[in-house]
Amino acid sequence: MISLLRRGLLVILAAALPMMANAAPGQSAHDIVSDTTTRLLADLAANKEQYKQSPAKFYDALNNIVGPVVDVDGISRSIMTVKYSRNATPAQMQRFQENFKRSLMQFYGNALLEFKNEGITVSPAKDESGDRTSVDMTVKGEKGAIYPLSYTLNKVNGEWKVRNVIINGINIGKLFRDQFADAMSRNGNNLDKTIDNWAGEVAKAKEKTDEKLSQ
């Protein structure tokens, strides 16, 4: 069985950096990651039992804070790729964005509640003079296991937004792109069907990542 630690690591993809919604305007990408990781762990320590009793409140809290910091539109279009997004209506894009955020909160929320932090270290800042940068960190798990994470951030309207995450060498953005293309093929290129069933595709992608992390 995949350990709770590995499942917890996947949650950081969807839930840790969204806490950056409280960051001050113009704050550096590095400081945002460092400050909000500390804030996230403190919040979990204080409210974990309450969230366990009412997971729906936890999902709502995560969903409410993810919008301001994550480049949801950019991520959604990247997952769809131009091949499919150019034919999507605004309503379809909006529905996909909503389904994408909701499915991540539901599938990864419980794992985050079980995450056992043995130590997180944020690496020194990189060059942030352009419109794209990355912030690296390492997570120490049970039995001394070390997992590297790298967050890719883009500047959107002058503010840093999360665009992708690489966990232990696994490119999550690419994983979702491949999953979307595979779903479109299985659904006969029916975009509505793929969008409406995206929660199941996220679950499949999570299983693939779990398998890779367990190797």
N, C-alpha and C. Protein backbone atom coordinates (compact mmCIF):
# COMPACT_ATOMS: atom_id res chain seq x y z
N MET A 1 0.85 -1.20 0.00
CA MET A 1 0.00 0.00 0.00
C MET A 1 0.88 1.24 0.00
N ILE A 2 0.50 2.24 -0.79
CA ILE A 2 1.27 3.47 -0.84
C ILE A 2 1.20 4.17 0.52
N SER A 3 2.33 4.62 0.98
CA SER A 3 2.36 5.24 2.32
C SER A 3 1.66 6.56 2.33
N LEU A 4 1.19 6.95 3.51
CA LEU A 4 0.52 8.24 3.68
C LEU A 4 1.47 9.38 3.36
N LEU A 5 2.76 9.16 3.61
CA LEU A 5 3.72 10.22 3.32
C LEU A 5 3.72 10.54 1.84
N ARG A 6 3.78 9.52 0.99
CA ARG A 6 3.84 9.78 -0.44
C ARG A 6 2.56 10.44 -0.92
N ARG A 7 1.43 10.01 -0.36
CA ARG A 7 0.18 10.66 -0.73
C ARG A 7 0.17 12.10 -0.24
N GLY A 8 0.76 12.32 0.92
CA GLY A 8 0.83 13.67 1.44
C GLY A 8 1.67 14.58 0.58
N LEU A 9 2.74 14.03 0.02
CA LEU A 9 3.59 14.84 -0.86
C LEU A 9 2.81 15.34 -2.06
N LEU A 10 1.93 14.52 -2.60
CA LEU A 10 1.16 14.93 -3.76
C LEU A 10 0.24 16.08 -3.42
N VAL A 11 -0.20 16.14 -2.18
CA VAL A 11 -1.10 17.22 -1.78
C VAL A 11 -0.40 18.55 -1.82
N ILE A 12 0.89 18.57 -1.51
CA ILE A 12 1.61 19.84 -1.54
C ILE A 12 1.50 20.45 -2.93
N LEU A 13 1.42 19.61 -3.94
CA LEU A 13 1.22 20.10 -5.30
C LEU A 13 0.00 21.00 -5.38
N ALA A 14 -1.10 20.56 -4.81
CA ALA A 14 -2.34 21.28 -4.99
C ALA A 14 -2.69 22.23 -3.86
N ALA A 15 -2.13 21.99 -2.71
CA ALA A 15 -2.62 22.73 -1.55
C ALA A 15 -1.62 23.59 -0.82
N ALA A 16 -0.34 23.31 -0.94
CA ALA A 16 0.61 24.09 -0.14
C ALA A 16 0.76 25.50 -0.67
N LEU A 17 1.08 25.64 -1.94
CA LEU A 17 1.31 26.97 -2.48
C LEU A 17 0.05 27.81 -2.64
N PRO A 18 -1.15 27.23 -2.74
CA PRO A 18 -2.32 28.09 -2.74
C PRO A 18 -2.44 28.94 -1.48
N MET A 19 -1.79 28.55 -0.42
CA MET A 19 -1.82 29.38 0.78
C MET A 19 -1.13 30.72 0.53
N MET A 20 -0.46 30.84 -0.61
CA MET A 20 0.23 32.08 -0.93
C MET A 20 -0.73 33.21 -1.23
N ALA A 21 -2.03 32.95 -1.22
CA ALA A 21 -2.99 34.01 -1.48
C ALA A 21 -2.86 35.14 -0.47
N ASN A 22 -2.29 34.83 0.69
CA ASN A 22 -2.13 35.84 1.73
C ASN A 22 -0.82 36.60 1.61
N ALA A 23 -0.02 36.28 0.58
CA ALA A 23 1.27 36.94 0.43
C ALA A 23 1.09 38.40 0.06
N ALA A 24 2.05 39.21 0.45
CA ALA A 24 1.99 40.64 0.15
C ALA A 24 2.25 40.86 -1.33
N PRO A 25 1.58 41.84 -1.94
CA PRO A 25 1.80 42.15 -3.36
C PRO A 25 3.28 42.43 -3.63
N GLY A 26 3.79 41.86 -4.71
CA GLY A 26 5.18 42.09 -5.07
C GLY A 26 6.18 41.24 -4.32
N GLN A 27 5.72 40.35 -3.46
CA GLN A 27 6.64 39.50 -2.71
C GLN A 27 7.35 38.55 -3.66
N SER A 28 8.60 38.24 -3.36
CA SER A 28 9.37 37.36 -4.23
C SER A 28 8.81 35.95 -4.21
N ALA A 29 9.06 35.22 -5.29
CA ALA A 29 8.59 33.84 -5.37
C ALA A 29 9.19 33.00 -4.25
N HIS A 30 10.48 33.21 -3.97
CA HIS A 30 11.14 32.43 -2.93
C HIS A 30 10.53 32.70 -1.57
N ASP A 31 10.32 33.97 -1.23
CA ASP A 31 9.76 34.30 0.08
C ASP A 31 8.33 33.79 0.22
N ILE A 32 7.59 33.82 -0.87
CA ILE A 32 6.23 33.31 -0.85
C ILE A 32 6.23 31.83 -0.48
N VAL A 33 7.09 31.07 -1.13
CA VAL A 33 7.16 29.64 -0.86
C VAL A 33 7.58 29.38 0.58
N SER A 34 8.62 30.07 1.03
CA SER A 34 9.14 29.85 2.37
C SER A 34 8.12 30.23 3.44
N ASP A 35 7.57 31.44 3.32
CA ASP A 35 6.64 31.94 4.34
C ASP A 35 5.36 31.13 4.40
N THR A 36 4.82 30.81 3.25
CA THR A 36 3.53 30.15 3.25
C THR A 36 3.61 28.66 3.56
N THR A 37 4.76 28.05 3.31
CA THR A 37 4.93 26.66 3.74
C THR A 37 4.89 26.60 5.27
N THR A 38 5.57 27.54 5.91
CA THR A 38 5.54 27.61 7.37
C THR A 38 4.12 27.86 7.86
N ARG A 39 3.40 28.76 7.18
CA ARG A 39 2.03 29.08 7.58
C ARG A 39 1.11 27.88 7.41
N LEU A 40 1.31 27.15 6.32
CA LEU A 40 0.48 25.98 6.06
C LEU A 40 0.64 24.92 7.15
N LEU A 41 1.89 24.64 7.50
CA LEU A 41 2.13 23.61 8.51
C LEU A 41 1.59 24.02 9.87
N ALA A 42 1.70 25.32 10.19
CA ALA A 42 1.16 25.81 11.45
C ALA A 42 -0.37 25.70 11.47
N ASP A 43 -0.99 26.02 10.33
CA ASP A 43 -2.45 25.93 10.25
C ASP A 43 -2.92 24.49 10.40
N LEU A 44 -2.22 23.57 9.77
CA LEU A 44 -2.59 22.16 9.88
C LEU A 44 -2.42 21.66 11.31
N ALA A 45 -1.34 22.09 11.95
CA ALA A 45 -1.10 21.66 13.32
C ALA A 45 -2.22 22.13 14.24
N ALA A 46 -2.73 23.33 13.97
CA ALA A 46 -3.76 23.92 14.83
C ALA A 46 -5.16 23.39 14.53
N ASN A 47 -5.41 23.01 13.28
CA ASN A 47 -6.78 22.70 12.87
C ASN A 47 -6.99 21.31 12.30
N LYS A 48 -5.98 20.48 12.33
CA LYS A 48 -6.08 19.19 11.67
C LYS A 48 -7.25 18.36 12.18
N GLU A 49 -7.42 18.28 13.48
CA GLU A 49 -8.51 17.46 14.03
C GLU A 49 -9.87 18.01 13.62
N GLN A 50 -10.01 19.33 13.60
CA GLN A 50 -11.25 19.95 13.16
C GLN A 50 -11.52 19.63 11.69
N TYR A 51 -10.49 19.72 10.87
CA TYR A 51 -10.65 19.42 9.45
C TYR A 51 -10.98 17.94 9.23
N LYS A 52 -10.42 17.07 10.05
CA LYS A 52 -10.71 15.65 9.91
C LYS A 52 -12.17 15.37 10.20
N GLN A 53 -12.74 16.11 11.13
CA GLN A 53 -14.15 15.94 11.47
C GLN A 53 -15.07 16.49 10.38
N SER A 54 -14.57 17.46 9.63
CA SER A 54 -15.38 18.09 8.59
C SER A 54 -14.52 18.33 7.35
N PRO A 55 -14.23 17.28 6.59
CA PRO A 55 -13.38 17.43 5.40
C PRO A 55 -13.94 18.43 4.40
N ALA A 56 -15.27 18.53 4.31
CA ALA A 56 -15.86 19.45 3.35
C ALA A 56 -15.43 20.88 3.62
N LYS A 57 -15.30 21.24 4.90
CA LYS A 57 -14.84 22.59 5.24
C LYS A 57 -13.39 22.78 4.78
N PHE A 58 -12.61 21.72 4.89
CA PHE A 58 -11.22 21.80 4.45
C PHE A 58 -11.14 21.98 2.94
N TYR A 59 -11.96 21.21 2.19
CA TYR A 59 -11.98 21.35 0.75
C TYR A 59 -12.37 22.78 0.36
N ASP A 60 -13.39 23.31 1.04
CA ASP A 60 -13.85 24.66 0.74
C ASP A 60 -12.76 25.68 1.03
N ALA A 61 -12.06 25.49 2.14
CA ALA A 61 -10.99 26.43 2.50
C ALA A 61 -9.89 26.40 1.45
N LEU A 62 -9.50 25.22 1.00
CA LEU A 62 -8.47 25.12 -0.02
C LEU A 62 -8.93 25.74 -1.34
N ASN A 63 -10.18 25.47 -1.69
CA ASN A 63 -10.70 25.99 -2.95
C ASN A 63 -10.79 27.51 -2.94
N ASN A 64 -11.14 28.07 -1.79
CA ASN A 64 -11.28 29.52 -1.69
C ASN A 64 -9.96 30.25 -1.83
N ILE A 65 -8.85 29.60 -1.46
CA ILE A 65 -7.57 30.29 -1.48
C ILE A 65 -6.71 29.94 -2.70
N VAL A 66 -7.14 28.98 -3.50
CA VAL A 66 -6.30 28.56 -4.61
C VAL A 66 -6.34 29.56 -5.77
N GLY A 67 -7.50 30.19 -6.00
CA GLY A 67 -7.66 31.06 -7.15
C GLY A 67 -6.66 32.19 -7.26
N PRO A 68 -6.42 32.97 -6.19
CA PRO A 68 -5.57 34.16 -6.30
C PRO A 68 -4.10 33.87 -6.61
N VAL A 69 -3.63 32.65 -6.38
CA VAL A 69 -2.20 32.42 -6.51
C VAL A 69 -1.82 31.48 -7.65
N VAL A 70 -2.71 30.58 -8.04
CA VAL A 70 -2.38 29.62 -9.08
C VAL A 70 -2.88 30.12 -10.42
N ASP A 71 -2.06 29.96 -11.44
CA ASP A 71 -2.43 30.35 -12.79
C ASP A 71 -3.37 29.29 -13.36
N VAL A 72 -4.60 29.31 -12.88
CA VAL A 72 -5.55 28.27 -13.25
C VAL A 72 -5.83 28.26 -14.74
N ASP A 73 -5.97 29.44 -15.33
CA ASP A 73 -6.24 29.50 -16.76
C ASP A 73 -5.05 28.95 -17.56
N GLY A 74 -3.84 29.35 -17.17
CA GLY A 74 -2.65 28.87 -17.86
C GLY A 74 -2.47 27.37 -17.71
N ILE A 75 -2.71 26.86 -16.49
CA ILE A 75 -2.57 25.43 -16.25
C ILE A 75 -3.60 24.65 -17.06
N SER A 76 -4.85 25.14 -17.06
CA SER A 76 -5.92 24.44 -17.78
C SER A 76 -5.61 24.36 -19.27
N ARG A 77 -5.15 25.47 -19.85
CA ARG A 77 -4.84 25.47 -21.27
C ARG A 77 -3.62 24.60 -21.57
N SER A 78 -2.69 24.56 -20.63
CA SER A 78 -1.52 23.71 -20.81
C SER A 78 -1.90 22.23 -20.78
N ILE A 79 -2.83 21.87 -19.90
CA ILE A 79 -3.28 20.48 -19.80
C ILE A 79 -4.03 20.08 -21.06
N MET A 80 -4.91 20.97 -21.52
CA MET A 80 -5.68 20.68 -22.74
C MET A 80 -4.79 20.69 -23.97
N THR A 81 -3.78 21.54 -23.96
CA THR A 81 -2.92 21.86 -25.11
C THR A 81 -3.75 22.59 -26.17
N VAL A 82 -3.05 23.26 -27.05
CA VAL A 82 -3.72 24.05 -28.09
C VAL A 82 -4.62 23.17 -28.95
N LYS A 83 -4.24 21.94 -29.11
CA LYS A 83 -5.02 21.01 -29.95
C LYS A 83 -6.48 20.97 -29.54
N TYR A 84 -6.74 21.03 -28.22
CA TYR A 84 -8.12 20.95 -27.75
C TYR A 84 -8.65 22.29 -27.25
N SER A 85 -7.80 23.10 -26.64
CA SER A 85 -8.29 24.36 -26.06
C SER A 85 -8.75 25.35 -27.12
N ARG A 86 -8.17 25.30 -28.32
CA ARG A 86 -8.56 26.24 -29.37
C ARG A 86 -9.99 26.00 -29.84
N ASN A 87 -10.51 24.79 -29.59
CA ASN A 87 -11.88 24.48 -29.98
C ASN A 87 -12.85 24.52 -28.81
N ALA A 88 -12.33 24.82 -27.62
CA ALA A 88 -13.18 24.86 -26.43
C ALA A 88 -13.87 26.21 -26.32
N THR A 89 -15.12 26.20 -25.93
CA THR A 89 -15.84 27.46 -25.71
C THR A 89 -15.43 28.03 -24.35
N PRO A 90 -15.66 29.32 -24.13
CA PRO A 90 -15.38 29.89 -22.80
C PRO A 90 -16.08 29.14 -21.68
N ALA A 91 -17.30 28.69 -21.94
CA ALA A 91 -18.04 27.95 -20.91
C ALA A 91 -17.36 26.61 -20.61
N GLN A 92 -16.86 25.96 -21.63
CA GLN A 92 -16.17 24.68 -21.42
C GLN A 92 -14.87 24.90 -20.64
N MET A 93 -14.12 25.95 -20.98
CA MET A 93 -12.89 26.23 -20.27
C MET A 93 -13.18 26.52 -18.80
N GLN A 94 -14.22 27.30 -18.54
CA GLN A 94 -14.58 27.62 -17.16
C GLN A 94 -14.97 26.37 -16.39
N ARG A 95 -15.74 25.49 -17.03
CA ARG A 95 -16.17 24.26 -16.36
C ARG A 95 -14.98 23.35 -16.08
N PHE A 96 -14.04 23.31 -17.02
CA PHE A 96 -12.86 22.48 -16.80
C PHE A 96 -12.03 23.01 -15.64
N GLN A 97 -11.85 24.33 -15.58
CA GLN A 97 -11.10 24.92 -14.49
C GLN A 97 -11.74 24.60 -13.15
N GLU A 98 -13.04 24.72 -13.07
CA GLU A 98 -13.76 24.43 -11.83
C GLU A 98 -13.65 22.96 -11.45
N ASN A 99 -13.82 22.07 -12.42
CA ASN A 99 -13.71 20.64 -12.16
C ASN A 99 -12.30 20.25 -11.75
N PHE A 100 -11.32 20.91 -12.38
CA PHE A 100 -9.92 20.61 -12.08
C PHE A 100 -9.59 20.97 -10.63
N LYS A 101 -9.96 22.18 -10.21
CA LYS A 101 -9.68 22.59 -8.83
C LYS A 101 -10.43 21.71 -7.83
N ARG A 102 -11.71 21.45 -8.12
CA ARG A 102 -12.52 20.67 -7.18
C ARG A 102 -11.98 19.25 -7.02
N SER A 103 -11.61 18.62 -8.12
CA SER A 103 -11.12 17.24 -8.03
C SER A 103 -9.80 17.17 -7.28
N LEU A 104 -8.94 18.16 -7.46
CA LEU A 104 -7.67 18.16 -6.73
C LEU A 104 -7.92 18.29 -5.23
N MET A 105 -8.82 19.18 -4.86
CA MET A 105 -9.11 19.38 -3.44
C MET A 105 -9.67 18.10 -2.81
N GLN A 106 -10.55 17.44 -3.53
CA GLN A 106 -11.20 16.25 -2.97
C GLN A 106 -10.24 15.06 -2.89
N PHE A 107 -9.44 14.85 -3.95
CA PHE A 107 -8.58 13.68 -3.96
C PHE A 107 -7.35 13.85 -3.08
N TYR A 108 -6.83 15.08 -2.97
CA TYR A 108 -5.61 15.29 -2.23
C TYR A 108 -5.85 15.85 -0.83
N GLY A 109 -7.05 16.34 -0.58
CA GLY A 109 -7.32 16.96 0.72
C GLY A 109 -7.13 16.01 1.89
N ASN A 110 -7.69 14.81 1.80
CA ASN A 110 -7.57 13.85 2.89
C ASN A 110 -6.12 13.44 3.12
N ALA A 111 -5.37 13.31 2.03
CA ALA A 111 -3.97 12.93 2.17
C ALA A 111 -3.18 14.01 2.89
N LEU A 112 -3.50 15.27 2.63
CA LEU A 112 -2.82 16.36 3.31
C LEU A 112 -3.07 16.31 4.81
N LEU A 113 -4.28 15.92 5.19
CA LEU A 113 -4.61 15.82 6.61
C LEU A 113 -3.78 14.74 7.30
N GLU A 114 -3.31 13.76 6.54
CA GLU A 114 -2.50 12.68 7.10
C GLU A 114 -1.00 12.92 6.95
N PHE A 115 -0.64 14.04 6.31
CA PHE A 115 0.77 14.30 6.04
C PHE A 115 1.55 14.46 7.34
N LYS A 116 2.62 13.72 7.47
CA LYS A 116 3.47 13.78 8.66
C LYS A 116 4.77 14.49 8.30
N ASN A 117 4.89 15.71 8.76
CA ASN A 117 6.05 16.53 8.42
C ASN A 117 7.24 16.18 9.31
N GLU A 118 8.31 15.72 8.69
CA GLU A 118 9.54 15.43 9.41
C GLU A 118 10.61 16.48 9.11
N GLY A 119 10.24 17.47 8.33
CA GLY A 119 11.18 18.54 8.02
C GLY A 119 11.11 18.98 6.57
N ILE A 120 10.96 20.29 6.34
CA ILE A 120 10.93 20.85 5.00
C ILE A 120 11.99 21.94 4.91
N THR A 121 12.81 21.89 3.87
CA THR A 121 13.87 22.87 3.67
C THR A 121 13.70 23.53 2.31
N VAL A 122 13.59 24.86 2.31
CA VAL A 122 13.48 25.61 1.06
C VAL A 122 14.88 26.00 0.62
N SER A 123 15.22 25.71 -0.61
CA SER A 123 16.56 26.01 -1.15
C SER A 123 16.74 27.52 -1.34
N PRO A 124 18.00 27.98 -1.47
CA PRO A 124 18.25 29.41 -1.70
C PRO A 124 17.53 29.92 -2.94
N ALA A 125 17.27 31.22 -2.96
CA ALA A 125 16.54 31.85 -4.06
C ALA A 125 17.32 31.77 -5.36
N LYS A 126 16.58 31.66 -6.46
CA LYS A 126 17.17 31.69 -7.80
C LYS A 126 16.90 33.06 -8.43
N ASP A 127 17.39 33.23 -9.63
CA ASP A 127 17.18 34.48 -10.36
C ASP A 127 15.69 34.69 -10.62
N GLU A 128 15.16 35.83 -10.19
CA GLU A 128 13.76 36.14 -10.40
C GLU A 128 13.58 37.41 -11.24
N SER A 129 14.59 37.73 -12.04
CA SER A 129 14.55 38.96 -12.83
C SER A 129 13.64 38.85 -14.05
N GLY A 130 13.34 37.63 -14.47
CA GLY A 130 12.48 37.44 -15.64
C GLY A 130 11.04 37.20 -15.24
N ASP A 131 10.30 36.58 -16.15
CA ASP A 131 8.88 36.30 -15.91
C ASP A 131 8.64 34.85 -15.52
N ARG A 132 9.71 34.10 -15.32
CA ARG A 132 9.56 32.70 -14.96
C ARG A 132 10.70 32.30 -14.04
N THR A 133 10.40 31.57 -13.00
CA THR A 133 11.43 31.11 -12.08
C THR A 133 10.97 29.81 -11.43
N SER A 134 11.84 29.24 -10.64
CA SER A 134 11.46 28.04 -9.89
C SER A 134 11.97 28.15 -8.47
N VAL A 135 11.27 27.51 -7.58
CA VAL A 135 11.65 27.47 -6.17
C VAL A 135 11.71 26.01 -5.75
N ASP A 136 12.87 25.59 -5.24
CA ASP A 136 13.07 24.20 -4.87
C ASP A 136 12.97 24.01 -3.36
N MET A 137 12.55 22.83 -2.98
CA MET A 137 12.57 22.47 -1.57
C MET A 137 12.74 20.97 -1.44
N THR A 138 13.10 20.53 -0.27
CA THR A 138 13.19 19.10 0.01
C THR A 138 12.30 18.80 1.21
N VAL A 139 11.65 17.66 1.13
CA VAL A 139 10.77 17.22 2.21
C VAL A 139 11.34 15.93 2.79
N LYS A 140 11.57 15.94 4.08
CA LYS A 140 12.07 14.75 4.76
C LYS A 140 10.89 13.95 5.28
N GLY A 141 10.84 12.70 4.86
CA GLY A 141 9.73 11.85 5.26
C GLY A 141 10.12 10.86 6.33
N GLU A 142 9.25 9.91 6.51
CA GLU A 142 9.48 8.87 7.50
C GLU A 142 10.69 8.01 7.10
N LYS A 143 11.39 7.53 8.07
CA LYS A 143 12.55 6.67 7.88
C LYS A 143 13.66 7.36 7.10
N GLY A 144 13.69 8.69 7.14
CA GLY A 144 14.78 9.45 6.54
C GLY A 144 14.70 9.66 5.04
N ALA A 145 13.60 9.27 4.42
CA ALA A 145 13.45 9.46 2.97
C ALA A 145 13.43 10.95 2.64
N ILE A 146 14.10 11.32 1.55
CA ILE A 146 14.16 12.72 1.12
C ILE A 146 13.50 12.83 -0.26
N TYR A 147 12.57 13.78 -0.37
CA TYR A 147 11.86 13.99 -1.62
C TYR A 147 12.07 15.43 -2.11
N PRO A 148 12.68 15.61 -3.29
CA PRO A 148 12.84 16.96 -3.85
C PRO A 148 11.58 17.42 -4.55
N LEU A 149 11.24 18.69 -4.36
CA LEU A 149 10.11 19.30 -5.05
C LEU A 149 10.59 20.59 -5.71
N SER A 150 10.08 20.88 -6.88
CA SER A 150 10.41 22.12 -7.57
C SER A 150 9.13 22.74 -8.11
N TYR A 151 8.87 23.98 -7.67
CA TYR A 151 7.68 24.70 -8.12
C TYR A 151 8.07 25.67 -9.22
N THR A 152 7.36 25.63 -10.33
CA THR A 152 7.55 26.60 -11.40
C THR A 152 6.52 27.70 -11.23
N LEU A 153 7.01 28.96 -11.25
CA LEU A 153 6.12 30.10 -11.12
C LEU A 153 6.30 31.04 -12.30
N ASN A 154 5.20 31.57 -12.79
CA ASN A 154 5.21 32.55 -13.87
C ASN A 154 4.65 33.87 -13.34
N LYS A 155 5.07 34.98 -13.93
CA LYS A 155 4.49 36.26 -13.59
C LYS A 155 3.25 36.49 -14.45
N VAL A 156 2.14 36.74 -13.77
CA VAL A 156 0.87 37.04 -14.45
C VAL A 156 0.39 38.38 -13.92
N ASN A 157 0.35 39.37 -14.77
CA ASN A 157 -0.04 40.73 -14.36
C ASN A 157 0.82 41.23 -13.20
N GLY A 158 2.13 40.91 -13.28
CA GLY A 158 3.07 41.40 -12.29
C GLY A 158 3.16 40.61 -11.01
N GLU A 159 2.37 39.55 -10.86
CA GLU A 159 2.39 38.75 -9.64
C GLU A 159 2.81 37.31 -9.97
N TRP A 160 3.57 36.71 -9.05
CA TRP A 160 3.99 35.33 -9.26
C TRP A 160 2.82 34.37 -9.07
N LYS A 161 2.65 33.47 -10.03
CA LYS A 161 1.60 32.46 -9.98
C LYS A 161 2.19 31.08 -10.22
N VAL A 162 1.69 30.09 -9.51
CA VAL A 162 2.18 28.73 -9.67
C VAL A 162 1.68 28.14 -10.99
N ARG A 163 2.59 27.55 -11.75
CA ARG A 163 2.25 26.99 -13.05
C ARG A 163 2.47 25.48 -13.12
N ASN A 164 3.44 24.98 -12.35
CA ASN A 164 3.71 23.54 -12.43
C ASN A 164 4.49 23.10 -11.20
N VAL A 165 4.51 21.81 -10.98
CA VAL A 165 5.27 21.22 -9.87
C VAL A 165 5.95 19.95 -10.36
N ILE A 166 7.19 19.76 -9.96
CA ILE A 166 7.90 18.52 -10.24
C ILE A 166 8.21 17.87 -8.89
N ILE A 167 7.72 16.67 -8.70
CA ILE A 167 7.89 15.95 -7.44
C ILE A 167 8.78 14.74 -7.66
N ASN A 168 9.96 14.78 -7.05
CA ASN A 168 10.88 13.66 -7.16
C ASN A 168 11.13 13.28 -8.62
N GLY A 169 11.24 14.30 -9.48
CA GLY A 169 11.50 14.08 -10.89
C GLY A 169 10.27 13.85 -11.74
N ILE A 170 9.10 13.80 -11.13
CA ILE A 170 7.86 13.56 -11.87
C ILE A 170 7.22 14.91 -12.21
N ASN A 171 7.11 15.19 -13.49
CA ASN A 171 6.52 16.45 -13.96
C ASN A 171 5.00 16.31 -13.95
N ILE A 172 4.36 16.95 -12.97
CA ILE A 172 2.93 16.79 -12.80
C ILE A 172 2.15 17.40 -13.96
N GLY A 173 2.62 18.54 -14.47
CA GLY A 173 1.94 19.15 -15.61
C GLY A 173 1.90 18.22 -16.81
N LYS A 174 3.04 17.60 -17.11
CA LYS A 174 3.10 16.66 -18.24
C LYS A 174 2.21 15.46 -17.99
N LEU A 175 2.19 14.99 -16.74
CA LEU A 175 1.36 13.85 -16.39
C LEU A 175 -0.10 14.14 -16.68
N PHE A 176 -0.57 15.33 -16.30
CA PHE A 176 -1.96 15.69 -16.55
C PHE A 176 -2.22 15.91 -18.04
N ARG A 177 -1.26 16.47 -18.77
CA ARG A 177 -1.44 16.65 -20.21
C ARG A 177 -1.62 15.30 -20.89
N ASP A 178 -0.77 14.35 -20.53
CA ASP A 178 -0.87 13.01 -21.11
C ASP A 178 -2.20 12.36 -20.75
N GLN A 179 -2.64 12.57 -19.50
CA GLN A 179 -3.89 11.99 -19.04
C GLN A 179 -5.08 12.57 -19.81
N PHE A 180 -5.02 13.89 -20.07
CA PHE A 180 -6.11 14.54 -20.80
C PHE A 180 -6.18 14.03 -22.23
N ALA A 181 -5.04 13.94 -22.89
CA ALA A 181 -5.00 13.45 -24.27
C ALA A 181 -5.51 12.01 -24.35
N ASP A 182 -5.13 11.19 -23.38
CA ASP A 182 -5.58 9.80 -23.36
C ASP A 182 -7.09 9.73 -23.15
N ALA A 183 -7.61 10.59 -22.27
CA ALA A 183 -9.05 10.60 -22.01
C ALA A 183 -9.82 11.04 -23.26
N MET A 184 -9.30 12.05 -23.96
CA MET A 184 -9.96 12.50 -25.19
C MET A 184 -10.01 11.36 -26.21
N SER A 185 -8.93 10.61 -26.30
CA SER A 185 -8.90 9.49 -27.25
C SER A 185 -9.93 8.43 -26.87
N ARG A 186 -9.99 8.10 -25.58
CA ARG A 186 -10.94 7.10 -25.12
C ARG A 186 -12.39 7.56 -25.25
N ASN A 187 -12.59 8.89 -25.18
CA ASN A 187 -13.94 9.45 -25.25
C ASN A 187 -14.33 9.90 -26.66
N GLY A 188 -13.57 9.46 -27.64
CA GLY A 188 -13.89 9.81 -29.01
C GLY A 188 -13.80 11.31 -29.28
N ASN A 189 -12.84 11.97 -28.62
CA ASN A 189 -12.64 13.42 -28.76
C ASN A 189 -13.86 14.24 -28.32
N ASN A 190 -14.63 13.66 -27.41
CA ASN A 190 -15.78 14.37 -26.84
C ASN A 190 -15.28 15.22 -25.67
N LEU A 191 -15.15 16.53 -25.90
CA LEU A 191 -14.58 17.42 -24.90
C LEU A 191 -15.46 17.51 -23.66
N ASP A 192 -16.77 17.59 -23.85
CA ASP A 192 -17.67 17.69 -22.71
C ASP A 192 -17.57 16.46 -21.80
N LYS A 193 -17.51 15.29 -22.41
CA LYS A 193 -17.41 14.05 -21.62
C LYS A 193 -16.11 14.01 -20.84
N THR A 194 -15.02 14.43 -21.47
CA THR A 194 -13.72 14.43 -20.79
C THR A 194 -13.72 15.42 -19.63
N ILE A 195 -14.29 16.59 -19.84
CA ILE A 195 -14.35 17.60 -18.78
C ILE A 195 -15.20 17.11 -17.62
N ASP A 196 -16.37 16.56 -17.93
CA ASP A 196 -17.29 16.13 -16.88
C ASP A 196 -16.75 14.96 -16.07
N ASN A 197 -15.88 14.15 -16.68
CA ASN A 197 -15.33 12.98 -15.99
C ASN A 197 -13.89 13.21 -15.52
N TRP A 198 -13.49 14.49 -15.41
CA TRP A 198 -12.09 14.79 -15.12
C TRP A 198 -11.67 14.31 -13.73
N ALA A 199 -12.58 14.29 -12.77
CA ALA A 199 -12.23 13.82 -11.42
C ALA A 199 -11.66 12.41 -11.48
N GLY A 200 -12.25 11.55 -12.32
CA GLY A 200 -11.74 10.20 -12.46
C GLY A 200 -10.37 10.17 -13.09
N GLU A 201 -10.11 11.11 -14.01
CA GLU A 201 -8.80 11.18 -14.65
C GLU A 201 -7.73 11.63 -13.66
N VAL A 202 -8.09 12.56 -12.77
CA VAL A 202 -7.15 12.99 -11.73
C VAL A 202 -6.80 11.81 -10.83
N ALA A 203 -7.79 11.00 -10.51
CA ALA A 203 -7.54 9.82 -9.68
C ALA A 203 -6.57 8.88 -10.36
N LYS A 204 -6.72 8.69 -11.67
CA LYS A 204 -5.81 7.81 -12.41
C LYS A 204 -4.40 8.40 -12.43
N ALA A 205 -4.31 9.71 -12.64
CA ALA A 205 -2.99 10.35 -12.66
C ALA A 205 -2.32 10.21 -11.30
N LYS A 206 -3.09 10.36 -10.24
CA LYS A 206 -2.56 10.22 -8.89
C LYS A 206 -2.03 8.80 -8.66
N GLU A 207 -2.75 7.80 -9.15
CA GLU A 207 -2.30 6.42 -9.00
C GLU A 207 -0.97 6.21 -9.72
N LYS A 208 -0.85 6.80 -10.92
CA LYS A 208 0.40 6.66 -11.67
C LYS A 208 1.55 7.30 -10.92
N THR A 209 1.29 8.48 -10.33
CA THR A 209 2.35 9.16 -9.58
C THR A 209 2.71 8.37 -8.33
N ASP A 210 1.70 7.84 -7.66
CA ASP A 210 1.96 7.01 -6.47
C ASP A 210 2.87 5.84 -6.81
N GLU A 211 2.59 5.21 -7.96
CA GLU A 211 3.39 4.06 -8.37
C GLU A 211 4.85 4.45 -8.61
N LYS A 212 5.04 5.60 -9.26
CA LYS A 212 6.40 6.06 -9.55
C LYS A 212 7.14 6.41 -8.27
N LEU A 213 6.44 7.05 -7.33
CA LEU A 213 7.07 7.44 -6.08
C LEU A 213 7.39 6.23 -5.20
N SER A 214 6.67 5.13 -5.41
CA SER A 214 6.89 3.96 -4.57
C SER A 214 8.02 3.08 -5.08
N GLN A 215 8.52 3.37 -6.30
CA GLN A 215 9.58 2.55 -6.90
C GLN A 215 10.94 2.84 -6.27
